[in-house]
Amino acid sequence: MPQSLSKHYAHLVFSTKHRELVLLDRFRDRLHDYMRGILRGMSCFAVELNSEPDHVHVLFALSRTVALAEAVQQFKRSSSVWLKQLDPSLSNFYWQRGYGAFSVSESLVEAIREYIRNQREHHRNESFQDEYRRILTKYGLECDERYVWD
């Protein structure tokens, strides 16, 4: 019997437009639940998800039927629409245009989960921008800082 099997983990990182501090704790759990639902709707599986006031980290297993760029686009678009409807103060909310998506091997899933879970503690010592630069360096990627921080 023919089968198509796939297991690709991605660590997705993106921020609010201009890193505005709008992802508030008062709706954080609802936002995370909604984001998990978006992934589930694409047959992707949220392994770990966390947000800080200006950015989001998501570790997920990508569905074998969805391209990464397509999944990210739908994830960001749907969550943006939901946030705008959630609270009148978010009517002008936008995510940054870009994102970082990094492959994660099975052997590192638990370490990345723990890293994402501990974002609040982590960001007491490192800004989002420094964190993002460090991740890019770890993956051997260069960015043009004129465009990465929209």
N, C-alpha and C. Protein backbone atom coordinates (compact mmCIF):
# COMPACT_ATOMS: atom_id res chain seq x y z
N MET A 1 0.84 -1.18 0.00
CA MET A 1 0.00 0.00 0.00
C MET A 1 0.89 1.25 0.00
N PRO A 2 0.71 2.14 -0.97
CA PRO A 2 1.53 3.35 -1.03
C PRO A 2 1.18 4.30 0.12
N GLN A 3 2.21 4.92 0.65
CA GLN A 3 2.02 5.88 1.74
C GLN A 3 2.97 7.04 1.55
N SER A 4 2.52 8.20 1.94
CA SER A 4 3.40 9.37 1.99
C SER A 4 3.51 9.79 3.44
N LEU A 5 4.70 9.70 3.98
CA LEU A 5 4.92 10.02 5.38
C LEU A 5 5.93 11.15 5.49
N SER A 6 5.74 12.00 6.47
CA SER A 6 6.62 13.15 6.62
C SER A 6 6.58 13.62 8.06
N LYS A 7 7.72 14.08 8.56
CA LYS A 7 7.77 14.70 9.88
C LYS A 7 8.83 15.78 9.85
N HIS A 8 8.38 17.01 9.74
CA HIS A 8 9.26 18.17 9.69
C HIS A 8 8.86 19.12 10.80
N TYR A 9 9.79 19.35 11.71
CA TYR A 9 9.56 20.32 12.77
C TYR A 9 10.12 21.67 12.34
N ALA A 10 9.38 22.72 12.65
CA ALA A 10 9.83 24.07 12.35
C ALA A 10 9.70 24.93 13.61
N HIS A 11 10.70 25.74 13.84
CA HIS A 11 10.67 26.74 14.90
C HIS A 11 10.41 28.06 14.20
N LEU A 12 9.24 28.60 14.40
CA LEU A 12 8.80 29.83 13.76
C LEU A 12 8.92 30.99 14.75
N VAL A 13 9.50 32.09 14.30
CA VAL A 13 9.68 33.28 15.13
C VAL A 13 9.29 34.50 14.31
N PHE A 14 8.43 35.35 14.88
CA PHE A 14 8.10 36.61 14.24
C PHE A 14 7.59 37.58 15.30
N SER A 15 7.61 38.86 14.94
CA SER A 15 7.24 39.88 15.93
C SER A 15 6.04 40.69 15.47
N THR A 16 5.56 41.50 16.38
CA THR A 16 4.54 42.47 16.04
C THR A 16 5.21 43.55 15.18
N LYS A 17 4.41 44.26 14.41
CA LYS A 17 4.97 45.33 13.58
C LYS A 17 5.66 46.35 14.48
N HIS A 18 6.88 46.68 14.13
CA HIS A 18 7.72 47.61 14.89
C HIS A 18 7.90 47.18 16.35
N ARG A 19 7.72 45.88 16.59
CA ARG A 19 7.89 45.30 17.93
C ARG A 19 7.05 46.00 18.99
N GLU A 20 5.85 46.41 18.59
CA GLU A 20 4.94 47.04 19.54
C GLU A 20 4.56 46.04 20.62
N LEU A 21 4.48 46.50 21.85
CA LEU A 21 4.20 45.64 23.01
C LEU A 21 2.69 45.51 23.20
N VAL A 22 2.04 44.72 22.34
CA VAL A 22 0.58 44.64 22.35
C VAL A 22 0.02 43.26 22.68
N LEU A 23 0.87 42.25 22.73
CA LEU A 23 0.39 40.89 23.03
C LEU A 23 0.34 40.75 24.55
N LEU A 24 -0.75 41.20 25.11
CA LEU A 24 -0.88 41.34 26.56
C LEU A 24 -1.24 40.03 27.25
N ASP A 25 -0.83 39.91 28.50
CA ASP A 25 -1.11 38.71 29.28
C ASP A 25 -2.61 38.45 29.44
N ARG A 26 -3.42 39.49 29.44
CA ARG A 26 -4.86 39.30 29.68
C ARG A 26 -5.55 38.47 28.60
N PHE A 27 -5.00 38.42 27.40
CA PHE A 27 -5.58 37.55 26.37
C PHE A 27 -4.59 36.54 25.81
N ARG A 28 -3.49 36.36 26.49
CA ARG A 28 -2.42 35.47 26.04
C ARG A 28 -2.89 34.02 25.86
N ASP A 29 -3.58 33.46 26.86
CA ASP A 29 -4.03 32.06 26.77
C ASP A 29 -5.02 31.88 25.61
N ARG A 30 -5.92 32.83 25.45
CA ARG A 30 -6.88 32.73 24.34
C ARG A 30 -6.17 32.82 22.98
N LEU A 31 -5.17 33.70 22.90
CA LEU A 31 -4.39 33.82 21.66
C LEU A 31 -3.69 32.50 21.35
N HIS A 32 -3.06 31.91 22.35
CA HIS A 32 -2.35 30.65 22.14
C HIS A 32 -3.32 29.55 21.70
N ASP A 33 -4.47 29.47 22.34
CA ASP A 33 -5.48 28.47 21.94
C ASP A 33 -5.91 28.68 20.50
N TYR A 34 -6.14 29.94 20.13
CA TYR A 34 -6.55 30.23 18.77
C TYR A 34 -5.46 29.85 17.76
N MET A 35 -4.23 30.16 18.10
CA MET A 35 -3.12 29.82 17.21
C MET A 35 -2.97 28.31 17.05
N ARG A 36 -3.14 27.57 18.13
CA ARG A 36 -3.10 26.11 18.03
C ARG A 36 -4.20 25.61 17.07
N GLY A 37 -5.37 26.23 17.17
CA GLY A 37 -6.48 25.87 16.29
C GLY A 37 -6.17 26.15 14.83
N ILE A 38 -5.49 27.26 14.55
CA ILE A 38 -5.10 27.57 13.17
C ILE A 38 -4.22 26.45 12.63
N LEU A 39 -3.23 26.06 13.41
CA LEU A 39 -2.32 24.99 12.98
C LEU A 39 -3.08 23.67 12.78
N ARG A 40 -3.93 23.35 13.73
CA ARG A 40 -4.72 22.12 13.64
C ARG A 40 -5.56 22.12 12.36
N GLY A 41 -6.11 23.28 12.00
CA GLY A 41 -6.92 23.39 10.78
C GLY A 41 -6.13 23.14 9.51
N MET A 42 -4.81 23.27 9.60
CA MET A 42 -3.95 22.99 8.44
C MET A 42 -3.31 21.60 8.56
N SER A 43 -3.76 20.80 9.52
CA SER A 43 -3.19 19.48 9.81
C SER A 43 -1.74 19.57 10.27
N CYS A 44 -1.40 20.71 10.87
CA CYS A 44 -0.10 20.86 11.52
C CYS A 44 -0.31 20.65 13.01
N PHE A 45 0.74 20.32 13.72
CA PHE A 45 0.61 20.06 15.15
C PHE A 45 1.49 21.02 15.93
N ALA A 46 0.87 21.81 16.80
CA ALA A 46 1.62 22.72 17.66
C ALA A 46 2.27 21.93 18.79
N VAL A 47 3.58 21.88 18.79
CA VAL A 47 4.33 21.19 19.84
C VAL A 47 4.50 22.11 21.04
N GLU A 48 4.87 23.36 20.77
CA GLU A 48 5.01 24.37 21.83
C GLU A 48 4.77 25.74 21.21
N LEU A 49 4.15 26.61 21.98
CA LEU A 49 3.82 27.94 21.49
C LEU A 49 3.89 28.90 22.67
N ASN A 50 4.50 30.05 22.46
CA ASN A 50 4.58 31.03 23.52
C ASN A 50 4.71 32.41 22.89
N SER A 51 4.25 33.40 23.62
CA SER A 51 4.37 34.77 23.14
C SER A 51 4.87 35.67 24.26
N GLU A 52 5.53 36.69 23.83
CA GLU A 52 5.91 37.81 24.69
C GLU A 52 5.17 39.01 24.13
N PRO A 53 5.17 40.14 24.80
CA PRO A 53 4.38 41.28 24.32
C PRO A 53 4.69 41.72 22.89
N ASP A 54 5.88 41.41 22.38
CA ASP A 54 6.24 41.87 21.04
C ASP A 54 6.59 40.77 20.05
N HIS A 55 6.50 39.51 20.43
CA HIS A 55 6.84 38.45 19.47
C HIS A 55 6.29 37.09 19.88
N VAL A 56 6.40 36.16 18.94
CA VAL A 56 5.86 34.81 19.11
C VAL A 56 6.92 33.79 18.70
N HIS A 57 6.96 32.68 19.44
CA HIS A 57 7.74 31.50 19.07
C HIS A 57 6.77 30.33 18.95
N VAL A 58 6.89 29.57 17.89
CA VAL A 58 6.05 28.39 17.70
C VAL A 58 6.93 27.24 17.22
N LEU A 59 6.85 26.12 17.90
CA LEU A 59 7.45 24.88 17.41
C LEU A 59 6.30 24.01 16.95
N PHE A 60 6.33 23.64 15.69
CA PHE A 60 5.22 22.83 15.17
C PHE A 60 5.72 21.81 14.17
N ALA A 61 4.93 20.76 14.02
CA ALA A 61 5.18 19.75 13.00
C ALA A 61 4.37 20.15 11.78
N LEU A 62 5.04 20.36 10.69
CA LEU A 62 4.42 20.80 9.45
C LEU A 62 3.69 19.63 8.79
N SER A 63 2.48 19.88 8.37
CA SER A 63 1.72 18.87 7.64
C SER A 63 2.45 18.52 6.34
N ARG A 64 2.34 17.29 5.90
CA ARG A 64 2.99 16.89 4.66
C ARG A 64 2.31 17.49 3.44
N THR A 65 1.13 18.09 3.63
CA THR A 65 0.37 18.63 2.50
C THR A 65 0.41 20.16 2.40
N VAL A 66 1.15 20.81 3.30
CA VAL A 66 1.18 22.27 3.33
C VAL A 66 2.62 22.76 3.23
N ALA A 67 2.87 23.71 2.35
CA ALA A 67 4.19 24.32 2.26
C ALA A 67 4.40 25.25 3.45
N LEU A 68 5.63 25.36 3.90
CA LEU A 68 5.94 26.19 5.05
C LEU A 68 5.47 27.64 4.86
N ALA A 69 5.79 28.26 3.75
CA ALA A 69 5.40 29.65 3.51
C ALA A 69 3.89 29.82 3.55
N GLU A 70 3.18 28.85 3.01
CA GLU A 70 1.72 28.86 3.01
C GLU A 70 1.19 28.76 4.45
N ALA A 71 1.77 27.87 5.24
CA ALA A 71 1.35 27.70 6.64
C ALA A 71 1.60 28.98 7.43
N VAL A 72 2.76 29.59 7.25
CA VAL A 72 3.08 30.81 7.98
C VAL A 72 2.14 31.94 7.57
N GLN A 73 1.91 32.08 6.28
CA GLN A 73 1.02 33.13 5.80
C GLN A 73 -0.38 32.99 6.40
N GLN A 74 -0.91 31.79 6.38
CA GLN A 74 -2.25 31.56 6.93
C GLN A 74 -2.27 31.77 8.43
N PHE A 75 -1.22 31.30 9.10
CA PHE A 75 -1.11 31.44 10.56
C PHE A 75 -1.10 32.91 10.97
N LYS A 76 -0.27 33.71 10.31
CA LYS A 76 -0.17 35.13 10.65
C LYS A 76 -1.44 35.88 10.26
N ARG A 77 -1.98 35.61 9.09
CA ARG A 77 -3.18 36.32 8.64
C ARG A 77 -4.36 36.03 9.56
N SER A 78 -4.60 34.76 9.86
CA SER A 78 -5.75 34.39 10.69
C SER A 78 -5.62 34.94 12.11
N SER A 79 -4.42 34.86 12.68
CA SER A 79 -4.25 35.36 14.04
C SER A 79 -4.35 36.89 14.09
N SER A 80 -3.91 37.57 13.04
CA SER A 80 -4.03 39.02 12.97
C SER A 80 -5.49 39.45 12.93
N VAL A 81 -6.27 38.80 12.09
CA VAL A 81 -7.70 39.11 12.00
C VAL A 81 -8.36 38.87 13.35
N TRP A 82 -8.04 37.75 13.99
CA TRP A 82 -8.63 37.42 15.29
C TRP A 82 -8.27 38.47 16.34
N LEU A 83 -7.01 38.88 16.39
CA LEU A 83 -6.58 39.88 17.37
C LEU A 83 -7.31 41.21 17.15
N LYS A 84 -7.48 41.62 15.90
CA LYS A 84 -8.17 42.88 15.61
C LYS A 84 -9.62 42.84 16.07
N GLN A 85 -10.23 41.67 16.01
CA GLN A 85 -11.62 41.52 16.45
C GLN A 85 -11.73 41.36 17.96
N LEU A 86 -10.67 40.94 18.59
CA LEU A 86 -10.68 40.67 20.02
C LEU A 86 -10.84 41.93 20.85
N ASP A 87 -10.15 42.99 20.47
CA ASP A 87 -10.09 44.18 21.30
C ASP A 87 -10.01 45.42 20.42
N PRO A 88 -10.85 46.43 20.66
CA PRO A 88 -10.81 47.65 19.84
C PRO A 88 -9.43 48.32 19.82
N SER A 89 -8.65 48.17 20.89
CA SER A 89 -7.32 48.79 20.92
C SER A 89 -6.36 48.14 19.93
N LEU A 90 -6.74 46.98 19.38
CA LEU A 90 -5.89 46.26 18.42
C LEU A 90 -6.38 46.42 16.98
N SER A 91 -7.25 47.37 16.73
CA SER A 91 -7.82 47.52 15.38
C SER A 91 -6.76 47.83 14.33
N ASN A 92 -5.64 48.39 14.73
CA ASN A 92 -4.55 48.67 13.79
C ASN A 92 -3.38 47.70 13.97
N PHE A 93 -3.65 46.53 14.49
CA PHE A 93 -2.60 45.55 14.75
C PHE A 93 -2.09 44.92 13.45
N TYR A 94 -0.77 44.69 13.41
CA TYR A 94 -0.16 43.97 12.29
C TYR A 94 1.03 43.19 12.83
N TRP A 95 1.29 42.05 12.21
CA TRP A 95 2.54 41.34 12.43
C TRP A 95 3.60 41.97 11.53
N GLN A 96 4.86 41.77 11.87
CA GLN A 96 5.91 42.20 10.95
C GLN A 96 5.73 41.44 9.64
N ARG A 97 6.23 41.96 8.56
CA ARG A 97 6.05 41.30 7.27
C ARG A 97 6.80 39.99 7.17
N GLY A 98 7.99 39.93 7.71
CA GLY A 98 8.81 38.73 7.58
C GLY A 98 8.66 37.77 8.75
N TYR A 99 9.50 36.77 8.75
CA TYR A 99 9.53 35.78 9.82
C TYR A 99 10.82 34.99 9.71
N GLY A 100 11.12 34.25 10.75
CA GLY A 100 12.20 33.29 10.71
C GLY A 100 11.62 31.91 10.94
N ALA A 101 12.00 30.97 10.13
CA ALA A 101 11.54 29.58 10.30
C ALA A 101 12.77 28.69 10.20
N PHE A 102 12.96 27.88 11.21
CA PHE A 102 14.19 27.11 11.35
C PHE A 102 13.86 25.64 11.55
N SER A 103 14.55 24.77 10.84
CA SER A 103 14.31 23.33 10.99
C SER A 103 14.85 22.85 12.34
N VAL A 104 14.16 21.89 12.89
CA VAL A 104 14.53 21.33 14.19
C VAL A 104 14.55 19.81 14.06
N SER A 105 15.65 19.20 14.45
CA SER A 105 15.73 17.74 14.39
C SER A 105 14.97 17.13 15.56
N GLU A 106 14.53 15.92 15.38
CA GLU A 106 13.79 15.19 16.43
C GLU A 106 14.56 15.20 17.75
N SER A 107 15.86 15.09 17.67
CA SER A 107 16.67 15.02 18.90
C SER A 107 16.70 16.34 19.66
N LEU A 108 16.31 17.44 19.03
CA LEU A 108 16.33 18.74 19.70
C LEU A 108 14.95 19.28 20.05
N VAL A 109 13.90 18.53 19.77
CA VAL A 109 12.54 19.00 20.02
C VAL A 109 12.34 19.39 21.48
N GLU A 110 12.76 18.54 22.41
CA GLU A 110 12.56 18.86 23.83
C GLU A 110 13.33 20.09 24.27
N ALA A 111 14.54 20.27 23.77
CA ALA A 111 15.33 21.46 24.13
C ALA A 111 14.66 22.73 23.59
N ILE A 112 14.14 22.69 22.37
CA ILE A 112 13.47 23.85 21.80
C ILE A 112 12.15 24.11 22.54
N ARG A 113 11.45 23.06 22.90
CA ARG A 113 10.21 23.24 23.70
C ARG A 113 10.52 23.98 24.99
N GLU A 114 11.55 23.55 25.66
CA GLU A 114 11.93 24.17 26.93
C GLU A 114 12.33 25.63 26.70
N TYR A 115 13.07 25.88 25.65
CA TYR A 115 13.48 27.24 25.30
C TYR A 115 12.26 28.13 25.08
N ILE A 116 11.29 27.64 24.35
CA ILE A 116 10.08 28.42 24.06
C ILE A 116 9.26 28.63 25.33
N ARG A 117 9.13 27.61 26.14
CA ARG A 117 8.39 27.72 27.41
C ARG A 117 8.97 28.81 28.31
N ASN A 118 10.29 28.98 28.29
CA ASN A 118 10.97 29.89 29.21
C ASN A 118 11.27 31.26 28.61
N GLN A 119 10.48 31.69 27.67
CA GLN A 119 10.71 32.98 27.03
C GLN A 119 10.71 34.15 28.01
N ARG A 120 9.78 34.15 28.92
CA ARG A 120 9.68 35.29 29.85
C ARG A 120 10.98 35.44 30.65
N GLU A 121 11.46 34.35 31.16
CA GLU A 121 12.73 34.36 31.92
C GLU A 121 13.90 34.74 31.01
N HIS A 122 13.91 34.16 29.84
CA HIS A 122 14.98 34.40 28.88
C HIS A 122 15.11 35.88 28.53
N HIS A 123 13.97 36.54 28.36
CA HIS A 123 14.00 37.93 27.91
C HIS A 123 14.27 38.93 29.04
N ARG A 124 14.52 38.46 30.20
CA ARG A 124 15.01 39.34 31.26
C ARG A 124 16.46 39.72 30.99
N ASN A 125 17.16 38.88 30.20
CA ASN A 125 18.58 39.07 29.94
C ASN A 125 18.93 39.37 28.49
N GLU A 126 17.96 39.20 27.58
CA GLU A 126 18.26 39.37 26.17
C GLU A 126 17.04 39.93 25.45
N SER A 127 17.23 40.96 24.64
CA SER A 127 16.13 41.55 23.89
C SER A 127 15.71 40.61 22.76
N PHE A 128 14.54 40.86 22.21
CA PHE A 128 14.09 40.07 21.08
C PHE A 128 15.06 40.21 19.90
N GLN A 129 15.51 41.44 19.62
CA GLN A 129 16.41 41.65 18.50
C GLN A 129 17.71 40.86 18.67
N ASP A 130 18.28 40.89 19.87
CA ASP A 130 19.52 40.13 20.11
C ASP A 130 19.27 38.63 20.02
N GLU A 131 18.13 38.19 20.53
CA GLU A 131 17.77 36.78 20.43
C GLU A 131 17.67 36.37 18.97
N TYR A 132 17.00 37.17 18.16
CA TYR A 132 16.80 36.84 16.75
C TYR A 132 18.14 36.81 16.01
N ARG A 133 18.99 37.79 16.28
CA ARG A 133 20.32 37.79 15.67
C ARG A 133 21.09 36.52 16.03
N ARG A 134 21.00 36.13 17.30
CA ARG A 134 21.71 34.92 17.77
C ARG A 134 21.19 33.67 17.05
N ILE A 135 19.87 33.57 16.88
CA ILE A 135 19.29 32.41 16.19
C ILE A 135 19.75 32.40 14.73
N LEU A 136 19.72 33.55 14.08
CA LEU A 136 20.18 33.63 12.69
C LEU A 136 21.63 33.20 12.57
N THR A 137 22.46 33.66 13.48
CA THR A 137 23.88 33.27 13.47
C THR A 137 24.03 31.77 13.66
N LYS A 138 23.27 31.21 14.59
CA LYS A 138 23.32 29.76 14.85
C LYS A 138 23.01 28.96 13.59
N TYR A 139 22.09 29.46 12.77
CA TYR A 139 21.69 28.77 11.54
C TYR A 139 22.49 29.22 10.32
N GLY A 140 23.49 30.07 10.54
CA GLY A 140 24.33 30.52 9.44
C GLY A 140 23.63 31.43 8.46
N LEU A 141 22.68 32.22 8.95
CA LEU A 141 21.92 33.12 8.09
C LEU A 141 22.30 34.57 8.37
N GLU A 142 22.34 35.36 7.32
CA GLU A 142 22.60 36.79 7.46
C GLU A 142 21.32 37.54 7.10
N CYS A 143 21.12 38.67 7.75
CA CYS A 143 19.96 39.49 7.42
C CYS A 143 20.40 40.91 7.18
N ASP A 144 19.59 41.64 6.46
CA ASP A 144 19.82 43.05 6.26
C ASP A 144 18.95 43.77 7.29
N GLU A 145 19.59 44.35 8.29
CA GLU A 145 18.86 44.95 9.41
C GLU A 145 18.01 46.14 9.00
N ARG A 146 18.21 46.66 7.80
CA ARG A 146 17.34 47.73 7.33
C ARG A 146 15.91 47.21 7.08
N TYR A 147 15.79 45.90 6.86
CA TYR A 147 14.49 45.34 6.49
C TYR A 147 13.92 44.35 7.49
N VAL A 148 14.74 43.81 8.34
CA VAL A 148 14.27 42.74 9.21
C VAL A 148 13.42 43.24 10.38
N TRP A 149 13.52 44.51 10.72
CA TRP A 149 12.81 45.03 11.90
C TRP A 149 11.59 45.86 11.59
N ASP A 150 10.89 45.58 10.51
CA ASP A 150 9.69 46.38 10.18
C ASP A 150 8.61 46.23 11.21
